[in-house]
Amino acid sequence: MEQTHFYHIITLGCQMNKSDSERMAGVLDKMGLMSTDDVKMADVILMNSCSVRKSAEDRVSGFSHNFLELKKNKPNLIIGVTGCMPGRDKDGKLKDRLFGVDLYFPIHEMTNLPMWLSKLNPELRSGENLIIDYLALRPNYNSSFQAYIPIQTGCNHFCTYCVVPHARGVEGNRPLQQILKEVRDLASRGYLEITLLGQIVNHYIAPDPLNFSSDNPYKQNDFAKLLWEINKIEGIERVHFTAAHPVYMDDEVVDALGLQKQVNFLHLPVQSGNNEILQKMNRRHDREFFINTIKKIRKKRPDIAIATDLIVGFCGEDENQFADTVSMYRECEFDISYHAQYSEREGTLAAKEFEDNVPKSTKKQRWQVLQDLMVEITYKKNQKYIGKIVSVLVDRFEDGYCFGNSNEMKLVSFPGDKSFVSTIQPVKITRADIWLLQGERYRKTS
């Protein structure tokens, strides 16, 4: 009887990494390996790494040290590291910090896994290399009704604080036909929500533009055209994307936010509200441009929920410059902010050209100012939902309550049962807290 072999994937970082791990799982499934949540059972352990912050890389080093103990009892155990660490590790210094790692490769090389694994352990089913773009691989999706769809990888912008172009390379866009084929396949299997992924997702440029429909109303922006094509696919009920860049929110993309299946939510990173800091970050826009873009978006969709990213304590940021970020936050009234304390990343232009001279205590204090401001504004904005009916895609059931995100990506709970999971339900909101809207399932009366 053939022995069953198991794999365990650890994913750190962003939604793109999660999507990449789903594709990697698809490769391993095709080899005949089975997934396990128990790392001690695994014959193959793969860590999909993140390099946005040093703490994420330190976690990978810690994992590799711990897994050395497992290797003592299982000498054939294969440990691999992929993702952003190998992608940006041009001189091998990051690899030198790892222990007992057998495979160390950038994510786009995952198509070599069948060959590499069978060489390291002949008991693992061998196979030919998958001579295709890794984004064309069929993923092992973690959900049966929600899916991430990468439409591009890499980035050309080289923001001075960011390692992504160094880790993932320059921007590459998936063929339109390949994207639509994946979405149609998901729709045929009952998926309701898709999230389009890209480092600058609204800068998507189709390599095969002739595959756009002749009746597509958008004529200039390929991303707006893509949104229209996906909105036409029967079965898909919600279309989401992340993360956009302000400079590519042109009139066509803003108009496409109003398409029927688009969620009522936009994630639009700004990073700072001060023009000098934005210039040092190489963000390619100023404060005024960003604020006007927000106004333009809200004119098209007045009730849209907007999220942003902010970095506090960037090189040389003084109190007045930080005050500009606070005042911009108040003017834009974001629904949520993902704010971070600046962390110098080796290899970036900021690390080479600027001094990381804002004290850690100051960064922490400024982070807390934004956190308090976010709590204040988010709570105030959430009160408008009381008495309203929102559309909720239920993704889990716990202790008599259903949970899921509304069209505005607000977490909602309501009394229900397990049968509601993977369905869209109307919910009338009765209470609004900072991070949770509570309500009752709405039933129409005659």
Protein backbone atom coordinates (compact mmCIF):
# COMPACT_ATOMS: atom_id res chain seq x y z
CA MET A 1 0.00 0.00 0.00
CA GLU A 2 1.37 3.40 -1.01
CA GLN A 3 2.28 5.62 1.92
CA THR A 4 0.46 8.95 2.28
CA HIS A 5 2.69 12.01 2.50
CA PHE A 6 1.62 15.31 4.01
CA TYR A 7 2.47 18.98 3.55
CA HIS A 8 2.04 22.02 5.77
CA ILE A 9 2.11 25.60 4.45
CA ILE A 10 2.71 28.62 6.69
CA THR A 11 1.65 31.92 5.10
CA LEU A 12 2.82 35.28 6.38
CA GLY A 13 1.86 38.69 5.03
CA CYS A 14 -0.65 39.99 2.56
CA GLN A 15 -3.57 38.63 0.57
CA MET A 16 -1.28 38.11 -2.41
CA ASN A 17 0.80 35.71 -0.31
CA LYS A 18 -2.37 33.89 0.73
CA SER A 19 -3.34 33.54 -2.91
CA ASP A 20 0.15 32.32 -3.82
CA SER A 21 -0.07 29.69 -1.08
CA GLU A 22 -3.36 28.44 -2.55
CA ARG A 23 -1.60 27.91 -5.87
CA MET A 24 1.31 26.19 -4.15
CA ALA A 25 -1.15 23.88 -2.39
CA GLY A 26 -2.63 23.08 -5.79
CA VAL A 27 0.81 21.93 -7.02
CA LEU A 28 1.30 19.70 -3.98
CA ASP A 29 -2.21 18.26 -4.23
CA LYS A 30 -1.54 17.34 -7.84
CA MET A 31 1.58 15.48 -6.69
CA GLY A 32 -0.59 13.35 -4.40
CA LEU A 33 0.41 14.97 -1.11
CA MET A 34 -2.26 15.83 1.46
CA SER A 35 -2.54 18.99 3.53
CA THR A 36 -2.22 18.78 7.31
CA ASP A 37 -2.66 21.34 10.08
CA ASP A 38 -0.33 19.28 12.30
CA VAL A 39 3.21 20.35 11.51
CA LYS A 40 4.57 17.18 13.19
CA MET A 41 2.83 15.02 10.59
CA ALA A 42 4.26 16.93 7.63
CA ASP A 43 6.83 15.53 5.21
CA VAL A 44 7.09 18.93 3.54
CA ILE A 45 6.90 22.29 5.33
CA LEU A 46 6.81 25.41 3.18
CA MET A 47 6.94 28.93 4.60
CA ASN A 48 5.58 31.67 2.34
CA SER A 49 7.44 34.68 3.70
CA CYS A 50 6.76 38.41 3.96
CA SER A 51 9.42 41.14 3.90
CA VAL A 52 7.34 44.24 4.56
CA ARG A 53 8.73 44.40 8.12
CA LYS A 54 11.77 42.89 9.78
CA SER A 55 9.51 41.21 12.36
CA ALA A 56 7.95 39.07 9.61
CA GLU A 57 11.38 37.89 8.47
CA ASP A 58 12.37 37.19 12.07
CA ARG A 59 9.36 34.89 12.39
CA VAL A 60 10.60 32.79 9.48
CA SER A 61 14.02 32.50 11.15
CA GLY A 62 12.31 31.42 14.36
CA PHE A 63 10.21 28.80 12.57
CA SER A 64 13.25 27.37 10.81
CA HIS A 65 15.08 27.00 14.13
CA ASN A 66 12.11 25.22 15.70
CA PHE A 67 11.75 22.84 12.75
CA LEU A 68 15.32 21.60 13.26
CA GLU A 69 13.94 19.63 16.21
CA LEU A 70 11.42 17.95 13.92
CA LYS A 71 14.21 16.98 11.52
CA LYS A 72 15.97 15.04 14.27
CA ASN A 73 13.05 12.60 14.38
CA LYS A 74 12.24 12.79 10.67
CA PRO A 75 15.48 13.10 8.65
CA ASN A 76 13.60 13.14 5.33
CA LEU A 77 11.56 16.19 6.36
CA ILE A 78 11.85 18.88 3.65
CA ILE A 79 11.74 22.52 4.75
CA GLY A 80 11.33 25.29 2.20
CA VAL A 81 11.10 29.07 2.23
CA THR A 82 9.51 31.05 -0.59
CA GLY A 83 7.78 34.40 -0.98
CA CYS A 84 9.34 37.83 -0.56
CA MET A 85 12.46 36.90 1.47
CA PRO A 86 14.13 34.84 -1.28
CA GLY A 87 12.82 37.28 -3.86
CA ARG A 88 14.78 40.19 -2.41
CA ASP A 89 17.75 38.26 -0.98
CA LYS A 90 20.23 39.06 -3.75
CA ASP A 91 23.38 38.38 -1.71
CA GLY A 92 22.12 35.48 0.42
CA LYS A 93 22.40 37.32 3.73
CA LEU A 94 18.81 36.52 4.71
CA LYS A 95 19.29 32.84 3.89
CA ASP A 96 22.32 32.73 6.20
CA ARG A 97 19.99 33.45 9.14
CA LEU A 98 17.92 30.33 8.47
CA PHE A 99 18.42 26.81 9.82
CA GLY A 100 18.06 23.49 8.00
CA VAL A 101 16.28 24.96 4.97
CA ASP A 102 16.36 22.64 1.94
CA LEU A 103 14.53 24.82 -0.59
CA TYR A 104 14.82 28.60 -0.89
CA PHE A 105 13.11 30.10 -3.93
CA PRO A 106 11.12 33.11 -5.17
CA ILE A 107 7.42 32.40 -5.49
CA HIS A 108 7.29 32.34 -9.30
CA GLU A 109 9.58 29.29 -9.25
CA MET A 110 6.98 27.12 -7.45
CA THR A 111 6.42 25.31 -10.75
CA ASN A 112 9.72 23.49 -10.05
CA LEU A 113 8.42 21.94 -6.81
CA PRO A 114 7.58 18.50 -8.28
CA MET A 115 11.15 18.07 -9.54
CA TRP A 116 12.83 19.49 -6.43
CA LEU A 117 10.77 17.48 -3.96
CA SER A 118 11.21 14.17 -5.77
CA LYS A 119 14.98 14.72 -5.90
CA LEU A 120 15.15 15.41 -2.17
CA ASN A 121 12.87 12.49 -1.29
CA PRO A 122 12.31 9.85 -4.01
CA GLU A 123 9.24 8.59 -2.10
CA LEU A 124 7.43 11.76 -3.14
CA ARG A 125 5.71 11.35 -6.47
CA SER A 126 7.86 12.79 -9.23
CA GLY A 127 6.48 14.88 -12.02
CA GLU A 128 7.53 17.05 -14.90
CA ASN A 129 8.15 20.71 -14.22
CA LEU A 130 5.05 22.77 -14.80
CA ILE A 131 6.19 24.87 -17.77
CA ILE A 132 3.61 27.59 -17.31
CA ASP A 133 3.29 30.89 -15.54
CA TYR A 134 2.63 30.09 -11.88
CA LEU A 135 -0.40 32.40 -11.88
CA ALA A 136 -2.02 30.04 -14.38
CA LEU A 137 -1.85 27.17 -11.88
CA ARG A 138 -5.16 25.98 -10.47
CA PRO A 139 -5.29 26.94 -6.78
CA ASN A 140 -6.56 24.90 -3.86
CA TYR A 141 -8.90 27.65 -2.64
CA ASN A 142 -9.33 27.95 1.13
CA SER A 143 -13.00 28.91 0.75
CA SER A 144 -15.83 27.44 -1.28
CA PHE A 145 -17.52 30.81 -1.90
CA GLN A 146 -14.85 33.54 -1.70
CA ALA A 147 -11.66 33.67 -3.77
CA TYR A 148 -8.60 35.86 -4.33
CA ILE A 149 -7.70 36.41 -7.99
CA PRO A 150 -4.24 37.90 -8.65
CA ILE A 151 -4.29 39.99 -11.81
CA GLN A 152 -0.74 41.32 -11.62
CA THR A 153 2.47 40.82 -9.70
CA GLY A 154 5.41 43.09 -8.99
CA CYS A 155 5.55 46.87 -9.10
CA ASN A 156 7.27 49.64 -11.09
CA HIS A 157 6.80 52.49 -8.63
CA PHE A 158 9.68 51.98 -6.18
CA CYS A 159 8.22 53.89 -3.25
CA THR A 160 11.34 54.59 -1.19
CA TYR A 161 10.19 52.64 1.89
CA CYS A 162 8.94 49.54 0.03
CA VAL A 163 10.69 46.20 -0.66
CA VAL A 164 8.02 44.82 -3.02
CA PRO A 165 9.74 45.74 -6.34
CA HIS A 166 12.95 44.20 -4.97
CA ALA A 167 11.14 41.06 -3.78
CA ARG A 168 8.66 40.51 -6.63
CA GLY A 169 10.27 42.34 -9.51
CA VAL A 170 8.74 44.79 -11.91
CA GLU A 171 5.06 44.80 -12.78
CA GLY A 172 3.68 41.91 -14.79
CA ASN A 173 0.02 41.60 -15.78
CA ARG A 174 -1.94 38.38 -16.29
CA PRO A 175 -3.68 37.89 -19.62
CA LEU A 176 -7.29 39.02 -19.56
CA GLN A 177 -8.43 35.68 -20.99
CA GLN A 178 -6.70 33.80 -18.17
CA ILE A 179 -8.32 35.97 -15.49
CA LEU A 180 -11.82 35.69 -16.94
CA LYS A 181 -11.42 31.91 -17.33
CA GLU A 182 -10.57 31.59 -13.63
CA VAL A 183 -13.52 33.79 -12.59
CA ARG A 184 -15.97 31.91 -14.83
CA ASP A 185 -14.75 28.62 -13.41
CA LEU A 186 -15.32 29.92 -9.88
CA ALA A 187 -18.80 31.16 -10.81
CA SER A 188 -19.69 27.73 -12.22
CA ARG A 189 -18.75 26.22 -8.86
CA GLY A 190 -20.94 28.54 -6.82
CA TYR A 191 -18.45 31.20 -5.72
CA LEU A 192 -20.14 34.48 -4.79
CA GLU A 193 -17.31 36.93 -4.09
CA ILE A 194 -13.96 37.53 -5.74
CA THR A 195 -11.18 39.89 -4.74
CA LEU A 196 -8.81 41.09 -7.46
CA LEU A 197 -5.24 41.44 -6.24
CA GLY A 198 -2.33 43.54 -7.45
CA GLN A 199 0.36 45.71 -5.94
CA ILE A 200 -1.16 48.62 -7.88
CA VAL A 201 -4.27 46.81 -8.96
CA ASN A 202 -5.85 49.72 -10.84
CA HIS A 203 -2.78 49.97 -13.08
CA TYR A 204 -3.68 46.66 -14.72
CA ILE A 205 -2.80 46.65 -18.43
CA ALA A 206 -4.11 43.66 -20.39
CA PRO A 207 -1.45 41.89 -22.49
CA ASP A 208 -4.31 40.67 -24.71
CA PRO A 209 -6.62 43.70 -25.10
CA LEU A 210 -8.40 42.22 -28.12
CA ASN A 211 -10.21 39.88 -25.69
CA PHE A 212 -12.25 42.75 -24.23
CA SER A 213 -15.88 42.67 -25.36
CA SER A 214 -16.76 44.95 -28.24
CA ASP A 215 -19.61 46.47 -26.21
CA ASN A 216 -17.41 47.31 -23.21
CA PRO A 217 -18.29 50.95 -22.40
CA TYR A 218 -14.83 51.85 -21.11
CA LYS A 219 -12.33 52.89 -23.76
CA GLN A 220 -9.14 54.01 -22.00
CA ASN A 221 -8.49 52.21 -18.71
CA ASP A 222 -7.98 48.43 -18.88
CA PHE A 223 -8.75 47.99 -15.19
CA ALA A 224 -12.15 49.66 -15.57
CA LYS A 225 -12.74 47.43 -18.61
CA LEU A 226 -11.81 44.35 -16.54
CA LEU A 227 -14.26 45.31 -13.78
CA TRP A 228 -17.04 45.64 -16.36
CA GLU A 229 -16.24 42.21 -17.86
CA ILE A 230 -16.30 40.53 -14.44
CA ASN A 231 -19.51 42.29 -13.44
CA LYS A 232 -21.14 40.60 -16.44
CA ILE A 233 -20.26 37.06 -15.27
CA GLU A 234 -23.40 35.33 -14.03
CA GLY A 235 -23.17 33.89 -10.53
CA ILE A 236 -20.58 36.27 -9.11
CA GLU A 237 -22.41 38.59 -6.73
CA ARG A 238 -19.63 40.72 -5.21
CA VAL A 239 -16.46 42.12 -6.78
CA HIS A 240 -13.73 43.61 -4.61
CA PHE A 241 -10.16 44.72 -5.33
CA THR A 242 -7.05 45.76 -3.44
CA ALA A 243 -4.94 47.81 -3.37
CA ALA A 244 -5.40 50.80 -5.65
CA HIS A 245 -3.08 53.78 -6.13
CA PRO A 246 -4.48 57.34 -6.10
CA VAL A 247 -2.75 58.38 -9.35
CA TYR A 248 -4.62 55.72 -11.34
CA MET A 249 -8.10 56.52 -9.99
CA ASP A 250 -9.10 58.15 -13.26
CA ASP A 251 -12.65 58.95 -14.35
CA GLU A 252 -13.28 55.49 -15.82
CA VAL A 253 -12.13 53.62 -12.70
CA VAL A 254 -14.18 55.94 -10.49
CA ASP A 255 -17.20 55.36 -12.72
CA ALA A 256 -16.65 51.58 -12.51
CA LEU A 257 -17.01 51.80 -8.72
CA GLY A 258 -20.72 52.21 -9.45
CA LEU A 259 -21.06 48.91 -11.33
CA GLN A 260 -23.80 46.72 -9.89
CA LYS A 261 -21.65 44.03 -8.28
CA GLN A 262 -18.86 46.25 -6.93
CA VAL A 263 -18.67 46.23 -3.15
CA ASN A 264 -19.33 49.59 -1.55
CA PHE A 265 -15.76 49.81 -0.30
CA LEU A 266 -12.40 51.08 -1.52
CA HIS A 267 -8.91 50.61 -0.08
CA LEU A 268 -6.82 53.58 -1.23
CA PRO A 269 -3.40 53.95 0.48
CA VAL A 270 -2.05 57.47 0.99
CA GLN A 271 0.83 56.86 3.52
CA SER A 272 1.14 60.51 4.63
CA GLY A 273 -0.76 63.79 4.58
CA ASN A 274 2.31 65.99 4.18
CA ASN A 275 3.67 66.93 0.76
CA GLU A 276 7.36 66.87 1.71
CA ILE A 277 7.04 63.40 3.20
CA LEU A 278 5.01 62.18 0.21
CA GLN A 279 7.78 63.41 -2.08
CA LYS A 280 10.45 61.64 0.01
CA MET A 281 8.34 58.49 -0.21
CA ASN A 282 8.10 58.83 -4.02
CA ARG A 283 4.32 58.52 -3.87
CA ARG A 284 3.89 60.56 -7.11
CA HIS A 285 0.97 62.62 -5.78
CA ASP A 286 0.48 65.37 -3.23
CA ARG A 287 -1.97 65.92 -0.41
CA GLU A 288 -4.32 68.05 -2.49
CA PHE A 289 -4.50 65.49 -5.30
CA PHE A 290 -5.42 62.74 -2.85
CA ILE A 291 -8.13 64.77 -1.10
CA ASN A 292 -9.64 65.78 -4.46
CA THR A 293 -9.62 62.13 -5.52
CA ILE A 294 -11.56 61.18 -2.40
CA LYS A 295 -14.10 63.93 -3.17
CA LYS A 296 -14.44 62.69 -6.75
CA ILE A 297 -15.06 59.12 -5.52
CA ARG A 298 -17.67 60.21 -2.98
CA LYS A 299 -19.44 62.29 -5.59
CA LYS A 300 -19.89 59.08 -7.61
CA ARG A 301 -20.72 56.91 -4.59
CA PRO A 302 -21.58 59.12 -1.58
CA ASP A 303 -21.92 56.30 0.95
CA ILE A 304 -18.80 54.33 0.00
CA ALA A 305 -16.59 53.13 2.86
CA ILE A 306 -12.94 54.07 2.34
CA ALA A 307 -9.84 52.55 3.95
CA THR A 308 -6.26 53.76 3.72
CA ASP A 309 -2.67 52.93 4.73
CA LEU A 310 -0.50 55.36 6.70
CA ILE A 311 3.12 55.31 7.84
CA VAL A 312 4.09 57.35 10.91
CA GLY A 313 7.63 58.33 11.78
CA PHE A 314 9.05 58.22 8.26
CA CYS A 315 12.59 59.60 7.93
CA GLY A 316 12.73 63.18 9.18
CA GLU A 317 8.98 63.53 9.88
CA ASP A 318 8.50 66.39 12.35
CA GLU A 319 5.48 67.32 14.45
CA ASN A 320 4.06 69.73 11.87
CA GLN A 321 4.34 67.16 9.10
CA PHE A 322 2.59 64.57 11.25
CA ALA A 323 -0.09 67.17 12.06
CA ASP A 324 -0.78 67.36 8.30
CA THR A 325 -1.52 63.63 8.32
CA VAL A 326 -3.91 64.05 11.24
CA SER A 327 -5.74 66.95 9.58
CA MET A 328 -5.99 65.04 6.30
CA TYR A 329 -7.43 62.05 8.16
CA ARG A 330 -10.11 64.29 9.67
CA GLU A 331 -10.91 65.83 6.29
CA CYS A 332 -11.18 62.47 4.50
CA GLU A 333 -12.91 60.67 7.40
CA PHE A 334 -11.67 57.19 6.57
CA ASP A 335 -13.71 54.24 7.74
CA ILE A 336 -10.54 52.39 8.72
CA SER A 337 -6.80 52.92 8.52
CA TYR A 338 -4.00 50.40 8.53
CA HIS A 339 -1.26 52.54 10.05
CA ALA A 340 2.27 51.40 10.78
CA GLN A 341 5.37 52.75 12.45
CA TYR A 342 8.12 53.21 9.87
CA SER A 343 10.57 50.32 9.80
CA GLU A 344 13.73 50.66 7.72
CA ARG A 345 14.09 47.88 5.15
CA GLU A 346 17.52 46.99 3.82
CA GLY A 347 17.87 47.56 0.08
CA THR A 348 15.24 50.28 -0.23
CA LEU A 349 16.08 53.80 -1.36
CA ALA A 350 14.98 55.21 1.99
CA ALA A 351 17.53 53.00 3.77
CA LYS A 352 20.26 54.21 1.40
CA GLU A 353 19.40 57.90 1.21
CA PHE A 354 17.63 58.91 4.43
CA GLU A 355 18.28 58.59 8.15
CA ASP A 356 15.70 56.72 10.23
CA ASN A 357 15.90 59.46 12.86
CA VAL A 358 12.43 59.56 14.43
CA PRO A 359 12.66 57.95 17.91
CA LYS A 360 10.71 54.74 18.47
CA SER A 361 8.83 56.38 21.35
CA THR A 362 7.69 59.19 19.02
CA LYS A 363 6.60 56.69 16.36
CA LYS A 364 4.59 54.81 18.98
CA GLN A 365 2.97 58.01 20.24
CA ARG A 366 2.01 59.12 16.72
CA TRP A 367 0.63 55.67 15.93
CA GLN A 368 -1.57 55.94 19.01
CA VAL A 369 -2.83 59.39 17.95
CA LEU A 370 -4.02 57.88 14.64
CA GLN A 371 -5.46 54.85 16.41
CA ASP A 372 -7.51 57.06 18.75
CA LEU A 373 -8.64 59.21 15.83
CA MET A 374 -9.67 56.15 13.84
CA VAL A 375 -11.69 54.77 16.74
CA GLU A 376 -13.46 58.13 17.14
CA ILE A 377 -14.32 58.54 13.45
CA THR A 378 -15.16 54.89 12.79
CA TYR A 379 -17.58 54.74 15.71
CA LYS A 380 -19.26 57.97 14.60
CA LYS A 381 -19.57 56.81 10.97
CA ASN A 382 -20.95 53.41 11.97
CA GLN A 383 -23.94 54.98 13.75
CA LYS A 384 -25.50 55.82 10.37
CA TYR A 385 -26.08 52.10 9.78
CA ILE A 386 -28.52 51.74 12.70
CA GLY A 387 -31.94 51.01 11.26
CA LYS A 388 -30.55 50.32 7.79
CA ILE A 389 -30.58 47.00 5.93
CA VAL A 390 -27.17 45.78 4.79
CA SER A 391 -26.23 42.83 2.59
CA VAL A 392 -24.01 40.33 4.44
CA LEU A 393 -22.00 37.46 2.98
CA VAL A 394 -21.96 35.02 5.90
CA ASP A 395 -18.57 33.35 6.31
CA ARG A 396 -18.85 31.70 9.73
CA PHE A 397 -21.27 30.56 12.45
CA GLU A 398 -20.40 30.54 16.16
CA ASP A 399 -22.58 29.99 19.26
CA GLY A 400 -25.86 30.80 17.57
CA TYR A 401 -24.59 33.82 15.66
CA CYS A 402 -23.68 34.32 12.01
CA PHE A 403 -20.77 36.59 11.04
CA GLY A 404 -19.76 38.15 7.74
CA ASN A 405 -18.90 41.36 5.94
CA SER A 406 -21.40 43.80 4.57
CA ASN A 407 -20.98 45.38 1.14
CA GLU A 408 -19.06 48.10 2.97
CA MET A 409 -16.66 45.48 4.41
CA LYS A 410 -18.06 46.08 7.88
CA LEU A 411 -18.16 43.02 10.13
CA VAL A 412 -21.77 42.15 10.95
CA SER A 413 -23.27 39.60 13.35
CA PHE A 414 -26.86 38.39 13.69
CA PRO A 415 -28.68 35.42 15.25
CA GLY A 416 -28.97 32.58 12.75
CA ASP A 417 -27.89 29.04 12.00
CA LYS A 418 -25.12 27.20 10.17
CA SER A 419 -27.16 26.94 6.95
CA PHE A 420 -26.61 30.66 6.32
CA VAL A 421 -22.84 30.21 5.87
CA SER A 422 -21.83 30.88 2.22
CA THR A 423 -25.07 32.79 1.54
CA ILE A 424 -25.85 36.50 1.27
CA GLN A 425 -28.41 37.65 3.82
CA PRO A 426 -30.21 40.98 4.40
CA VAL A 427 -29.60 42.22 7.96
CA LYS A 428 -31.25 45.16 9.70
CA ILE A 429 -28.69 46.82 11.97
CA THR A 430 -29.81 47.46 15.55
CA ARG A 431 -26.48 48.34 17.19
CA ALA A 432 -23.22 49.81 15.88
CA ASP A 433 -19.93 49.46 17.74
CA ILE A 434 -16.44 50.34 16.52
CA TRP A 435 -15.58 47.06 14.81
CA LEU A 436 -18.93 45.24 14.77
CA LEU A 437 -22.43 45.97 13.50
CA GLN A 438 -25.12 43.86 15.14
CA GLY A 439 -28.58 43.21 13.82
CA GLU A 440 -31.42 40.83 12.93
CA ARG A 441 -32.01 38.99 9.71
CA TYR A 442 -34.50 41.06 7.72
CA ARG A 443 -37.69 39.37 6.60
CA LYS A 444 -39.96 41.20 4.18
CA THR A 445 -43.55 41.53 5.32
CA SER A 446 -46.51 41.53 2.95
